[in-house]
Amino acid sequence: MGSIILVTIPSSGAFFTTYEAVKSVLTKANSTLKGSPSPSVPQPFIHSAASATAELVSCFILTPAEVLKQNAQMIRRPTESSASKSLTLFQRSVTLQALKQFKRPSQLWSGYTALAARNLPFTAMQFPMFEHLKASIREHRKSNGTFTGGISETALITAVSAGSAGSIAALLTTPVDVVKTRIMLSAAGESSEYQTKNDVERAKRQGQSLEKLASEKGITKKGGLTVAREIFQKDGIKGLFRGGVLRAAWTALGSGLYLGAYESGRLWLGDRHEGNHEM
């Protein structure tokens, strides 16, 4: 949890800063494109492009924490009989234990392509649907005369819109998430699976690189398509959508809270900013 909390703050900040900036620039450019007063590009495409750009920036920050989280979750707690009484705090931390498995810093970004490949289609689908649902609900309430524009109403509308859009996008992108998880879990295995004590000592005596040793033992990096093909051949289409319903339900809750808090917070800060100017 520690690595995720620490990295989520800058990654989320980078996402929304990039999203709002790109959306604003593209919207302004679109409204004046070719001198036409009406937009030339549909607004959903602008939301999709802005969210995809923001996701690329966010994923670069988030990937190391995702890799550590996935590998930390796979570490088994030693039994009391095998655990040493003099075990230090460094050894007790599963996050630090996971970090020790990586021999090169670049391995922490080994899942960037897979994470971006999962999040890009998810975000590109979610945000156009989210913006459309949010605008539609607002217009419906305005037509009924029930729209107040308050913070609590904004939070509720945003939560419903984000939760609905997020659950649909999450279900559709489950296969990419499954592949991403397999790739990230194998990142540390790239080093730890074959680097036993005897193998390392033998490689050092013979002047052999660990990369060559891995090749001899048949351990190679696999691409996303290869991993997806292996899952499909072993478990079929159900294997690629494993956990999809749970992921959709959890994403609906998470997206609702996440974007609901963001929109209501932005409205609250905007009201305070206007109030200070009026004073």
Protein backbone atom coordinates (compact mmCIF):
# COMPACT_ATOMS: atom_id res chain seq x y z
CA MET A 1 0.00 0.00 0.00
CA GLY A 2 2.83 2.40 0.81
CA SER A 3 4.29 2.55 -2.68
CA ILE A 4 0.85 2.95 -4.27
CA ILE A 5 -0.18 5.82 -1.95
CA LEU A 6 3.07 7.70 -2.47
CA VAL A 7 3.03 7.37 -6.25
CA THR A 8 -0.72 7.91 -6.75
CA ILE A 9 -0.51 11.52 -5.59
CA PRO A 10 1.93 12.76 -8.29
CA SER A 11 0.53 10.42 -10.96
CA SER A 12 -3.04 11.63 -10.39
CA GLY A 13 -1.88 15.22 -10.29
CA ALA A 14 0.01 14.75 -13.55
CA PHE A 15 -3.01 13.08 -15.14
CA PHE A 16 -5.56 15.80 -14.37
CA THR A 17 -3.14 18.65 -15.06
CA THR A 18 -2.38 17.17 -18.48
CA TYR A 19 -6.00 16.23 -19.18
CA GLU A 20 -7.44 19.67 -18.42
CA ALA A 21 -4.64 21.46 -20.30
CA VAL A 22 -4.85 19.30 -23.44
CA LYS A 23 -8.67 19.37 -23.41
CA SER A 24 -8.66 23.16 -23.16
CA VAL A 25 -6.11 23.61 -25.96
CA LEU A 26 -7.84 21.15 -28.30
CA THR A 27 -11.29 22.61 -27.62
CA LYS A 28 -10.12 26.14 -28.37
CA ALA A 29 -8.29 25.01 -31.51
CA ASN A 30 -11.29 22.98 -32.63
CA SER A 31 -13.72 25.89 -32.28
CA THR A 32 -11.63 28.10 -34.57
CA LEU A 33 -10.50 25.40 -37.02
CA LYS A 34 -10.77 26.58 -40.62
CA GLY A 35 -12.50 29.72 -39.41
CA SER A 36 -15.70 27.81 -38.75
CA PRO A 37 -17.78 28.93 -35.74
CA SER A 38 -18.97 25.35 -35.17
CA PRO A 39 -16.61 22.59 -33.95
CA SER A 40 -15.05 20.54 -36.75
CA VAL A 41 -14.12 17.54 -34.58
CA PRO A 42 -16.69 15.80 -32.33
CA GLN A 43 -16.12 16.58 -28.67
CA PRO A 44 -15.79 12.89 -27.66
CA PHE A 45 -12.66 12.63 -29.82
CA ILE A 46 -11.16 15.59 -27.98
CA HIS A 47 -11.92 14.01 -24.61
CA SER A 48 -10.43 10.73 -25.80
CA ALA A 49 -7.23 12.37 -27.10
CA ALA A 50 -6.80 14.46 -23.95
CA SER A 51 -7.31 11.52 -21.61
CA ALA A 52 -4.98 9.28 -23.64
CA THR A 53 -2.21 11.89 -23.53
CA ALA A 54 -2.70 12.35 -19.80
CA GLU A 55 -2.60 8.58 -19.27
CA LEU A 56 0.79 8.26 -20.97
CA VAL A 57 2.23 10.80 -18.55
CA SER A 58 0.54 9.22 -15.54
CA CYS A 59 1.62 5.67 -16.44
CA PHE A 60 5.28 6.66 -16.54
CA ILE A 61 5.03 7.71 -12.90
CA LEU A 62 2.75 4.87 -11.81
CA THR A 63 4.50 1.89 -13.44
CA PRO A 64 7.28 1.33 -10.83
CA ALA A 65 4.72 1.25 -8.02
CA GLU A 66 2.50 -1.14 -9.98
CA VAL A 67 5.43 -3.49 -10.61
CA LEU A 68 6.43 -3.43 -6.93
CA LYS A 69 2.83 -3.96 -5.82
CA GLN A 70 2.29 -6.97 -8.07
CA ASN A 71 5.53 -8.62 -6.93
CA ALA A 72 5.02 -7.73 -3.25
CA GLN A 73 1.63 -9.45 -3.33
CA MET A 74 3.34 -12.66 -4.46
CA ILE A 75 5.83 -12.77 -1.57
CA ARG A 76 4.93 -15.40 1.02
CA ARG A 77 5.34 -14.67 4.70
CA PRO A 78 7.92 -17.07 6.20
CA THR A 79 6.73 -19.52 8.85
CA GLU A 80 7.71 -18.93 12.46
CA SER A 81 10.07 -21.90 12.37
CA SER A 82 11.95 -20.63 9.36
CA ALA A 83 11.90 -16.95 10.30
CA SER A 84 14.96 -15.70 12.11
CA LYS A 85 14.46 -13.81 15.37
CA SER A 86 17.05 -11.32 14.24
CA LEU A 87 15.10 -10.49 11.07
CA THR A 88 15.52 -6.76 10.51
CA LEU A 89 12.83 -4.24 9.60
CA PHE A 90 14.32 -4.06 6.11
CA GLN A 91 13.77 -7.77 5.62
CA ARG A 92 10.26 -7.66 7.09
CA SER A 93 9.02 -5.06 4.58
CA VAL A 94 7.47 -6.91 1.65
CA THR A 95 7.84 -3.81 -0.54
CA LEU A 96 11.58 -3.67 0.11
CA GLN A 97 11.81 -7.42 -0.39
CA ALA A 98 10.16 -7.01 -3.77
CA LEU A 99 12.51 -4.15 -4.60
CA LYS A 100 15.53 -6.32 -3.80
CA GLN A 101 14.50 -8.73 -6.56
CA PHE A 102 15.24 -6.15 -9.25
CA LYS A 103 18.86 -5.97 -10.32
CA ARG A 104 18.46 -2.98 -12.64
CA PRO A 105 16.30 0.17 -12.13
CA SER A 106 15.04 -0.13 -15.70
CA GLN A 107 13.24 -3.35 -14.71
CA LEU A 108 10.82 -1.25 -12.65
CA TRP A 109 9.49 0.19 -15.92
CA SER A 110 9.26 -3.22 -17.60
CA GLY A 111 5.47 -3.06 -17.49
CA TYR A 112 5.09 0.48 -18.87
CA THR A 113 4.03 -0.63 -22.35
CA ALA A 114 1.58 -3.17 -20.95
CA LEU A 115 0.18 -0.71 -18.39
CA ALA A 116 -0.22 2.00 -21.04
CA ALA A 117 -1.75 -0.53 -23.43
CA ARG A 118 -4.34 -1.40 -20.77
CA ASN A 119 -5.03 2.13 -19.52
CA LEU A 120 -5.08 3.92 -22.88
CA PRO A 121 -8.12 2.10 -24.31
CA PHE A 122 -9.75 2.13 -20.87
CA THR A 123 -9.29 5.88 -20.42
CA ALA A 124 -10.06 6.66 -24.07
CA MET A 125 -13.40 4.86 -23.66
CA GLN A 126 -14.22 5.99 -20.13
CA PHE A 127 -13.77 9.75 -20.41
CA PRO A 128 -15.89 10.39 -23.53
CA MET A 129 -18.67 8.29 -21.96
CA PHE A 130 -18.16 10.02 -18.62
CA GLU A 131 -18.29 13.54 -20.08
CA HIS A 132 -21.34 12.65 -22.20
CA LEU A 133 -23.27 11.09 -19.31
CA LYS A 134 -22.41 13.98 -17.01
CA ALA A 135 -23.59 16.59 -19.55
CA SER A 136 -26.75 14.59 -20.34
CA ILE A 137 -27.75 14.26 -16.68
CA ARG A 138 -27.16 17.96 -16.10
CA GLU A 139 -29.24 18.93 -19.13
CA HIS A 140 -32.03 16.59 -18.02
CA ARG A 141 -32.10 18.11 -14.55
CA LYS A 142 -31.99 21.63 -15.98
CA SER A 143 -34.96 20.86 -18.23
CA ASN A 144 -36.89 19.60 -15.18
CA GLY A 145 -35.91 22.64 -13.15
CA THR A 146 -34.23 20.50 -10.49
CA PHE A 147 -30.62 21.44 -11.19
CA THR A 148 -29.04 23.53 -8.42
CA GLY A 149 -25.35 23.37 -9.30
CA GLY A 150 -24.39 22.64 -5.71
CA ILE A 151 -21.30 20.74 -4.66
CA SER A 152 -23.20 17.71 -3.37
CA GLU A 153 -25.28 17.50 -6.56
CA THR A 154 -22.15 17.81 -8.70
CA ALA A 155 -20.46 15.04 -6.72
CA LEU A 156 -23.47 12.73 -7.11
CA ILE A 157 -23.87 13.36 -10.86
CA THR A 158 -20.16 12.87 -11.42
CA ALA A 159 -20.04 9.70 -9.32
CA VAL A 160 -22.93 8.09 -11.22
CA SER A 161 -21.50 9.09 -14.60
CA ALA A 162 -17.95 8.02 -13.78
CA GLY A 163 -19.05 4.75 -12.19
CA SER A 164 -21.21 3.76 -15.16
CA ALA A 165 -18.59 4.69 -17.75
CA GLY A 166 -15.77 3.11 -15.73
CA SER A 167 -17.51 -0.24 -15.27
CA ILE A 168 -18.18 -0.60 -19.01
CA ALA A 169 -14.63 0.39 -19.96
CA ALA A 170 -13.15 -1.90 -17.29
CA LEU A 171 -15.07 -4.93 -18.51
CA LEU A 172 -14.06 -4.37 -22.13
CA THR A 173 -10.36 -3.94 -21.29
CA THR A 174 -10.07 -6.89 -18.91
CA PRO A 175 -8.00 -9.02 -21.37
CA VAL A 176 -5.31 -6.34 -21.54
CA ASP A 177 -5.28 -6.12 -17.75
CA VAL A 178 -4.78 -9.89 -17.47
CA VAL A 179 -1.84 -9.77 -19.88
CA LYS A 180 -0.36 -6.75 -18.07
CA THR A 181 -0.46 -8.59 -14.75
CA ARG A 182 1.32 -11.65 -16.19
CA ILE A 183 4.08 -9.48 -17.69
CA MET A 184 4.65 -7.50 -14.50
CA LEU A 185 4.78 -10.62 -12.35
CA SER A 186 7.45 -12.06 -14.61
CA ALA A 187 9.62 -8.92 -14.35
CA ALA A 188 11.25 -9.95 -11.08
CA GLY A 189 11.25 -13.59 -12.17
CA GLU A 190 13.51 -12.54 -15.00
CA SER A 191 16.20 -12.15 -12.34
CA SER A 192 15.14 -14.36 -9.45
CA GLU A 193 13.98 -17.48 -11.29
CA TYR A 194 17.39 -18.49 -12.51
CA GLN A 195 19.71 -16.54 -10.22
CA THR A 196 20.07 -19.18 -7.53
CA LYS A 197 23.21 -19.13 -5.45
CA ASN A 198 24.89 -22.01 -7.27
CA ASP A 199 23.99 -20.67 -10.72
CA VAL A 200 25.37 -17.21 -9.95
CA GLU A 201 28.59 -18.59 -8.49
CA ARG A 202 29.09 -20.84 -11.50
CA ALA A 203 28.42 -17.99 -13.90
CA LYS A 204 30.93 -15.75 -12.12
CA ARG A 205 33.63 -18.44 -12.16
CA GLN A 206 33.14 -18.99 -15.88
CA GLY A 207 32.90 -15.28 -16.64
CA GLN A 208 29.40 -15.83 -17.98
CA SER A 209 26.79 -13.07 -17.96
CA LEU A 210 23.49 -13.62 -16.17
CA GLU A 211 21.65 -12.76 -19.39
CA LYS A 212 23.42 -15.64 -21.16
CA LEU A 213 22.65 -17.90 -18.21
CA ALA A 214 18.97 -17.00 -18.50
CA SER A 215 19.05 -17.80 -22.20
CA GLU A 216 20.60 -21.20 -21.51
CA LYS A 217 17.87 -22.02 -18.99
CA GLY A 218 15.16 -21.05 -21.45
CA ILE A 219 14.02 -17.87 -19.69
CA THR A 220 13.15 -15.21 -22.22
CA LYS A 221 11.08 -12.05 -22.24
CA LYS A 222 7.63 -12.47 -23.72
CA GLY A 223 5.61 -9.82 -25.50
CA GLY A 224 1.99 -9.00 -24.83
CA LEU A 225 0.68 -10.88 -27.87
CA THR A 226 2.65 -13.99 -26.92
CA VAL A 227 1.30 -13.93 -23.36
CA ALA A 228 -2.26 -13.37 -24.61
CA ARG A 229 -1.93 -16.28 -27.04
CA GLU A 230 -0.68 -18.58 -24.27
CA ILE A 231 -3.58 -17.62 -21.99
CA PHE A 232 -6.10 -18.17 -24.79
CA GLN A 233 -4.63 -21.55 -25.72
CA LYS A 234 -4.67 -22.73 -22.10
CA ASP A 235 -7.92 -21.25 -20.72
CA GLY A 236 -9.79 -19.94 -23.76
CA ILE A 237 -11.70 -16.67 -23.87
CA LYS A 238 -12.71 -17.09 -20.22
CA GLY A 239 -9.06 -16.89 -19.24
CA LEU A 240 -8.67 -13.48 -20.89
CA PHE A 241 -11.79 -12.14 -19.13
CA ARG A 242 -10.96 -13.70 -15.76
CA GLY A 243 -11.97 -11.32 -12.98
CA GLY A 244 -13.80 -9.02 -15.38
CA VAL A 245 -17.03 -8.72 -13.37
CA LEU A 246 -15.17 -8.00 -10.14
CA ARG A 247 -12.95 -5.49 -11.94
CA ALA A 248 -16.01 -3.74 -13.42
CA ALA A 249 -17.73 -3.51 -10.02
CA TRP A 250 -14.60 -2.31 -8.25
CA THR A 251 -13.87 0.24 -10.99
CA ALA A 252 -17.43 1.59 -10.78
CA LEU A 253 -16.92 2.26 -7.07
CA GLY A 254 -13.38 3.59 -7.48
CA SER A 255 -14.15 5.83 -10.45
CA GLY A 256 -17.24 7.22 -8.77
CA LEU A 257 -15.33 8.19 -5.62
CA TYR A 258 -12.25 9.32 -7.55
CA LEU A 259 -13.86 11.59 -10.13
CA GLY A 260 -16.69 12.60 -7.79
CA ALA A 261 -14.17 13.96 -5.30
CA TYR A 262 -12.20 15.63 -8.09
CA GLU A 263 -15.16 17.44 -9.67
CA SER A 264 -16.67 18.57 -6.37
CA GLY A 265 -13.25 19.69 -5.15
CA ARG A 266 -12.66 21.64 -8.32
CA LEU A 267 -16.08 23.33 -7.99
CA TRP A 268 -15.40 24.19 -4.35
CA LEU A 269 -12.00 25.68 -5.15
CA GLY A 270 -13.51 27.59 -8.07
CA ASP A 271 -16.17 29.12 -5.81
CA ARG A 272 -13.54 30.15 -3.27
CA HIS A 273 -11.41 31.66 -6.03
CA GLU A 274 -14.32 33.72 -7.33
CA GLY A 275 -15.23 34.77 -3.80
CA ASN A 276 -11.73 36.06 -3.14
CA HIS A 277 -11.80 38.08 -6.37
CA GLU A 278 -15.14 39.64 -5.44
CA MET A 279 -13.73 40.69 -2.08
